[in-house]
Amino acid sequence: MPDSEIDYSDIAELGQDFWENAKVTPPRAKPVVSLRLPDDVIAFFQGEDPKGYTKRMAAVLKAYADAHK
């Protein structure tokens, strides 16, 4: 849908107060890590759907780290 077709009528205007106190926070970038893994480990996480396998790996590592805090 092009911007010209979007109905903004139900969105309240932001007043000068908002803009005077607004704080711009840039998104945090995740660090890039290079990791050598055995082929069978990569194949396991790729499974039926290779798309997103690094996210699945990250989720497992995060769960492990959270459990061991």
C-alpha atoms as a PDB file:
ATOM      1  CA  MET A   1       0.000   0.000   0.000  1.00  0.00           C
ATOM      2  CA  PRO A   2       1.470   3.374  -0.935  1.00  0.00           C
ATOM      3  CA  ASP A   3       1.790   6.056   1.758  1.00  0.00           C
ATOM      4  CA  SER A   4      -0.848   8.150   0.012  1.00  0.00           C
ATOM      5  CA  GLU A   5      -3.497   5.500   0.823  1.00  0.00           C
ATOM      6  CA  ILE A   6      -2.740   5.292   4.558  1.00  0.00           C
ATOM      7  CA  ASP A   7      -5.373   6.836   6.829  1.00  0.00           C
ATOM      8  CA  TYR A   8      -3.605   8.802   9.573  1.00  0.00           C
ATOM      9  CA  SER A   9      -6.764  10.522  10.862  1.00  0.00           C
ATOM     10  CA  ASP A  10      -6.954   8.469  14.081  1.00  0.00           C
ATOM     11  CA  ILE A  11      -3.389   9.268  15.150  1.00  0.00           C
ATOM     12  CA  ALA A  12      -3.024  12.192  17.561  1.00  0.00           C
ATOM     13  CA  GLU A  13      -0.640  14.988  16.643  1.00  0.00           C
ATOM     14  CA  LEU A  14       2.572  15.135  18.668  1.00  0.00           C
ATOM     15  CA  GLY A  15       2.853  18.500  20.378  1.00  0.00           C
ATOM     16  CA  GLN A  16       5.895  20.711  20.900  1.00  0.00           C
ATOM     17  CA  ASP A  17       6.280  19.183  24.398  1.00  0.00           C
ATOM     18  CA  PHE A  18       6.946  15.800  22.869  1.00  0.00           C
ATOM     19  CA  TRP A  19       9.627  17.063  20.500  1.00  0.00           C
ATOM     20  CA  GLU A  20      11.367  19.147  23.163  1.00  0.00           C
ATOM     21  CA  ASN A  21      11.769  16.080  25.376  1.00  0.00           C
ATOM     22  CA  ALA A  22      12.274  13.469  22.653  1.00  0.00           C
ATOM     23  CA  LYS A  23      15.481  11.476  22.793  1.00  0.00           C
ATOM     24  CA  VAL A  24      16.782   9.779  19.653  1.00  0.00           C
ATOM     25  CA  THR A  25      18.292   6.397  20.423  1.00  0.00           C
ATOM     26  CA  PRO A  26      19.994   4.601  17.546  1.00  0.00           C
ATOM     27  CA  PRO A  27      19.365   0.857  17.343  1.00  0.00           C
ATOM     28  CA  ARG A  28      22.014  -1.328  18.950  1.00  0.00           C
ATOM     29  CA  ALA A  29      23.879  -3.439  16.459  1.00  0.00           C
ATOM     30  CA  LYS A  30      24.672  -6.990  17.453  1.00  0.00           C
ATOM     31  CA  PRO A  31      28.346  -7.889  17.147  1.00  0.00           C
ATOM     32  CA  VAL A  32      29.318 -10.173  14.284  1.00  0.00           C
ATOM     33  CA  VAL A  33      31.021 -13.380  15.422  1.00  0.00           C
ATOM     34  CA  SER A  34      32.846 -15.910  13.293  1.00  0.00           C
ATOM     35  CA  LEU A  35      32.597 -19.454  14.613  1.00  0.00           C
ATOM     36  CA  ARG A  36      33.891 -22.732  13.186  1.00  0.00           C
ATOM     37  CA  LEU A  37      31.412 -25.546  13.707  1.00  0.00           C
ATOM     38  CA  PRO A  38      31.296 -29.181  12.629  1.00  0.00           C
ATOM     39  CA  ASP A  39      29.237 -29.879   9.498  1.00  0.00           C
ATOM     40  CA  ASP A  40      26.788 -32.083  11.403  1.00  0.00           C
ATOM     41  CA  VAL A  41      25.998 -29.292  13.874  1.00  0.00           C
ATOM     42  CA  ILE A  42      25.269 -26.854  11.054  1.00  0.00           C
ATOM     43  CA  ALA A  43      23.168 -29.470   9.249  1.00  0.00           C
ATOM     44  CA  PHE A  44      21.158 -30.064  12.444  1.00  0.00           C
ATOM     45  CA  PHE A  45      20.259 -26.388  12.811  1.00  0.00           C
ATOM     46  CA  GLN A  46      19.520 -26.010   9.106  1.00  0.00           C
ATOM     47  CA  GLY A  47      17.210 -29.041   9.270  1.00  0.00           C
ATOM     48  CA  GLU A  48      14.257 -28.797   6.907  1.00  0.00           C
ATOM     49  CA  ASP A  49      14.557 -25.008   6.619  1.00  0.00           C
ATOM     50  CA  PRO A  50      18.073 -23.577   6.169  1.00  0.00           C
ATOM     51  CA  LYS A  51      16.695 -20.032   6.344  1.00  0.00           C
ATOM     52  CA  GLY A  52      17.148 -18.622   9.844  1.00  0.00           C
ATOM     53  CA  TYR A  53      19.442 -21.340  11.171  1.00  0.00           C
ATOM     54  CA  THR A  54      21.803 -18.794  12.735  1.00  0.00           C
ATOM     55  CA  LYS A  55      18.873 -17.314  14.693  1.00  0.00           C
ATOM     56  CA  ARG A  56      18.068 -20.792  15.990  1.00  0.00           C
ATOM     57  CA  MET A  57      21.700 -21.248  17.033  1.00  0.00           C
ATOM     58  CA  ALA A  58      21.666 -17.868  18.785  1.00  0.00           C
ATOM     59  CA  ALA A  59      18.441 -18.802  20.621  1.00  0.00           C
ATOM     60  CA  VAL A  60      20.012 -22.010  21.953  1.00  0.00           C
ATOM     61  CA  LEU A  61      23.148 -20.178  23.079  1.00  0.00           C
ATOM     62  CA  LYS A  62      21.062 -17.451  24.761  1.00  0.00           C
ATOM     63  CA  ALA A  63      18.935 -20.050  26.586  1.00  0.00           C
ATOM     64  CA  TYR A  64      22.107 -21.773  27.792  1.00  0.00           C
ATOM     65  CA  ALA A  65      23.653 -18.506  28.981  1.00  0.00           C
ATOM     66  CA  ASP A  66      20.414 -17.448  30.743  1.00  0.00           C
ATOM     67  CA  ALA A  67      20.162 -20.824  32.486  1.00  0.00           C
ATOM     68  CA  HIS A  68      23.714 -20.545  33.782  1.00  0.00           C
ATOM     69  CA  LYS A  69      23.572 -16.999  35.161  1.00  0.00           C
END
